[in-house]
Amino acid sequence: MDELLGGIRLLRFDEFHVHDPGDTALSSRLLWFLFGRGVTLLTTSNHPPSGMTSNPL
């Protein structure tokens, strides 16, 4: 994964939305990995924060 990131310091996801708990688990691991390497994440969404997951656990 480090070779994919290269020198990236900022990563932007447009229309970020998590559809189910499985996606949440995968996204969580990705985000922890990115934050652990000092990558800043910028996301956009047409959903309000309370509606980011359709089936929150």
N, C-alpha and C. Protein backbone atom coordinates (compact mmCIF):
# COMPACT_ATOMS: atom_id res chain seq x y z
N MET A 1 0.82 -1.19 0.00
CA MET A 1 0.00 0.00 0.00
C MET A 1 0.87 1.26 0.00
N ASP A 2 2.01 1.21 0.67
CA ASP A 2 2.89 2.39 0.70
C ASP A 2 3.33 2.80 -0.70
N GLU A 3 3.56 1.82 -1.58
CA GLU A 3 3.99 2.17 -2.93
C GLU A 3 2.86 2.85 -3.72
N LEU A 4 1.61 2.57 -3.37
CA LEU A 4 0.48 3.25 -4.02
C LEU A 4 0.36 4.70 -3.54
N LEU A 5 0.67 4.93 -2.27
CA LEU A 5 0.55 6.28 -1.72
C LEU A 5 1.66 7.20 -2.20
N GLY A 6 2.85 6.66 -2.38
CA GLY A 6 3.97 7.51 -2.77
C GLY A 6 4.13 8.64 -1.76
N GLY A 7 4.16 9.87 -2.22
CA GLY A 7 4.31 11.02 -1.34
C GLY A 7 3.00 11.75 -1.08
N ILE A 8 1.87 11.06 -1.24
CA ILE A 8 0.57 11.71 -1.08
C ILE A 8 0.41 12.24 0.34
N ARG A 9 0.00 13.50 0.45
CA ARG A 9 -0.27 14.11 1.76
C ARG A 9 -1.75 14.45 1.91
N LEU A 10 -2.47 14.55 0.78
CA LEU A 10 -3.89 14.89 0.77
C LEU A 10 -4.62 13.95 -0.18
N LEU A 11 -5.72 13.37 0.31
CA LEU A 11 -6.53 12.48 -0.52
C LEU A 11 -7.98 12.97 -0.45
N ARG A 12 -8.62 13.09 -1.62
CA ARG A 12 -9.99 13.60 -1.67
C ARG A 12 -10.91 12.54 -2.25
N PHE A 13 -12.00 12.27 -1.53
CA PHE A 13 -13.05 11.39 -2.01
C PHE A 13 -14.28 12.24 -2.28
N ASP A 14 -14.80 12.20 -3.49
CA ASP A 14 -16.02 12.91 -3.84
C ASP A 14 -17.20 11.96 -3.65
N GLU A 15 -18.27 12.46 -3.05
CA GLU A 15 -19.48 11.66 -2.81
C GLU A 15 -19.20 10.44 -1.94
N PHE A 16 -18.53 10.66 -0.81
CA PHE A 16 -18.21 9.57 0.12
C PHE A 16 -19.49 9.12 0.82
N HIS A 17 -19.82 7.84 0.71
CA HIS A 17 -21.01 7.28 1.35
C HIS A 17 -20.75 5.80 1.61
N VAL A 18 -21.08 5.37 2.81
CA VAL A 18 -20.91 3.96 3.19
C VAL A 18 -22.28 3.30 3.18
N HIS A 19 -22.41 2.19 2.45
CA HIS A 19 -23.72 1.57 2.25
C HIS A 19 -24.07 0.48 3.26
N ASP A 20 -23.11 -0.23 3.78
CA ASP A 20 -23.45 -1.31 4.71
C ASP A 20 -22.31 -1.52 5.71
N PRO A 21 -22.55 -2.33 6.75
CA PRO A 21 -21.53 -2.55 7.78
C PRO A 21 -20.21 -3.13 7.24
N GLY A 22 -20.28 -3.95 6.19
CA GLY A 22 -19.05 -4.47 5.60
C GLY A 22 -18.21 -3.37 5.00
N ASP A 23 -18.86 -2.43 4.31
CA ASP A 23 -18.14 -1.27 3.77
C ASP A 23 -17.54 -0.42 4.88
N THR A 24 -18.28 -0.31 5.98
CA THR A 24 -17.80 0.45 7.13
C THR A 24 -16.52 -0.16 7.69
N ALA A 25 -16.48 -1.47 7.81
CA ALA A 25 -15.29 -2.15 8.34
C ALA A 25 -14.09 -1.92 7.42
N LEU A 26 -14.29 -2.05 6.12
CA LEU A 26 -13.19 -1.85 5.17
C LEU A 26 -12.73 -0.39 5.16
N SER A 27 -13.69 0.53 5.16
CA SER A 27 -13.35 1.96 5.17
C SER A 27 -12.59 2.34 6.42
N SER A 28 -13.01 1.78 7.54
CA SER A 28 -12.35 2.07 8.81
C SER A 28 -10.87 1.68 8.76
N ARG A 29 -10.58 0.49 8.26
CA ARG A 29 -9.19 0.05 8.16
C ARG A 29 -8.38 0.94 7.23
N LEU A 30 -8.97 1.33 6.11
CA LEU A 30 -8.29 2.22 5.17
C LEU A 30 -8.00 3.56 5.82
N LEU A 31 -8.99 4.13 6.50
CA LEU A 31 -8.80 5.44 7.13
C LEU A 31 -7.73 5.40 8.21
N TRP A 32 -7.73 4.37 9.05
CA TRP A 32 -6.69 4.26 10.09
C TRP A 32 -5.31 4.16 9.45
N PHE A 33 -5.21 3.41 8.35
CA PHE A 33 -3.94 3.28 7.64
C PHE A 33 -3.47 4.64 7.13
N LEU A 34 -4.38 5.38 6.47
CA LEU A 34 -4.03 6.69 5.92
C LEU A 34 -3.64 7.68 7.02
N PHE A 35 -4.45 7.75 8.06
CA PHE A 35 -4.16 8.69 9.15
C PHE A 35 -2.85 8.34 9.85
N GLY A 36 -2.54 7.06 9.95
CA GLY A 36 -1.29 6.63 10.57
C GLY A 36 -0.07 7.08 9.78
N ARG A 37 -0.25 7.37 8.51
CA ARG A 37 0.84 7.84 7.66
C ARG A 37 0.79 9.35 7.42
N GLY A 38 -0.09 10.03 8.17
CA GLY A 38 -0.15 11.48 8.09
C GLY A 38 -0.87 12.04 6.88
N VAL A 39 -1.68 11.21 6.22
CA VAL A 39 -2.43 11.67 5.05
C VAL A 39 -3.67 12.42 5.54
N THR A 40 -3.92 13.58 4.97
CA THR A 40 -5.12 14.35 5.26
C THR A 40 -6.21 13.90 4.31
N LEU A 41 -7.41 13.69 4.84
CA LEU A 41 -8.53 13.22 4.03
C LEU A 41 -9.57 14.32 3.91
N LEU A 42 -10.01 14.59 2.69
CA LEU A 42 -11.06 15.56 2.41
C LEU A 42 -12.16 14.81 1.67
N THR A 43 -13.38 14.85 2.23
CA THR A 43 -14.50 14.15 1.59
C THR A 43 -15.66 15.10 1.34
N THR A 44 -16.46 14.76 0.35
CA THR A 44 -17.71 15.49 0.10
C THR A 44 -18.84 14.46 0.05
N SER A 45 -20.04 14.92 0.31
CA SER A 45 -21.20 14.05 0.25
C SER A 45 -22.46 14.89 0.14
N ASN A 46 -23.47 14.34 -0.51
CA ASN A 46 -24.77 14.99 -0.56
C ASN A 46 -25.66 14.52 0.59
N HIS A 47 -25.12 13.67 1.46
CA HIS A 47 -25.86 13.16 2.61
C HIS A 47 -25.44 13.94 3.87
N PRO A 48 -26.36 14.22 4.78
CA PRO A 48 -25.97 14.85 6.04
C PRO A 48 -25.15 13.86 6.87
N PRO A 49 -24.32 14.33 7.80
CA PRO A 49 -23.49 13.42 8.59
C PRO A 49 -24.29 12.30 9.27
N SER A 50 -25.49 12.60 9.72
CA SER A 50 -26.30 11.57 10.38
C SER A 50 -26.79 10.52 9.38
N GLY A 51 -26.72 10.80 8.10
CA GLY A 51 -27.18 9.86 7.08
C GLY A 51 -26.06 9.22 6.29
N MET A 52 -24.83 9.27 6.83
CA MET A 52 -23.69 8.73 6.09
C MET A 52 -23.72 7.21 5.96
N THR A 53 -24.38 6.53 6.88
CA THR A 53 -24.56 5.09 6.74
C THR A 53 -26.05 4.80 6.77
N SER A 54 -26.50 3.99 5.87
CA SER A 54 -27.93 3.69 5.82
C SER A 54 -28.35 2.67 6.87
N ASN A 55 -27.39 1.92 7.42
CA ASN A 55 -27.68 0.90 8.41
C ASN A 55 -26.61 0.92 9.49
N PRO A 56 -26.52 2.00 10.31
CA PRO A 56 -25.45 2.06 11.31
C PRO A 56 -25.65 1.03 12.41
N LEU A 57 -24.57 0.45 12.87
CA LEU A 57 -24.62 -0.51 14.00
C LEU A 57 -24.33 0.20 15.29
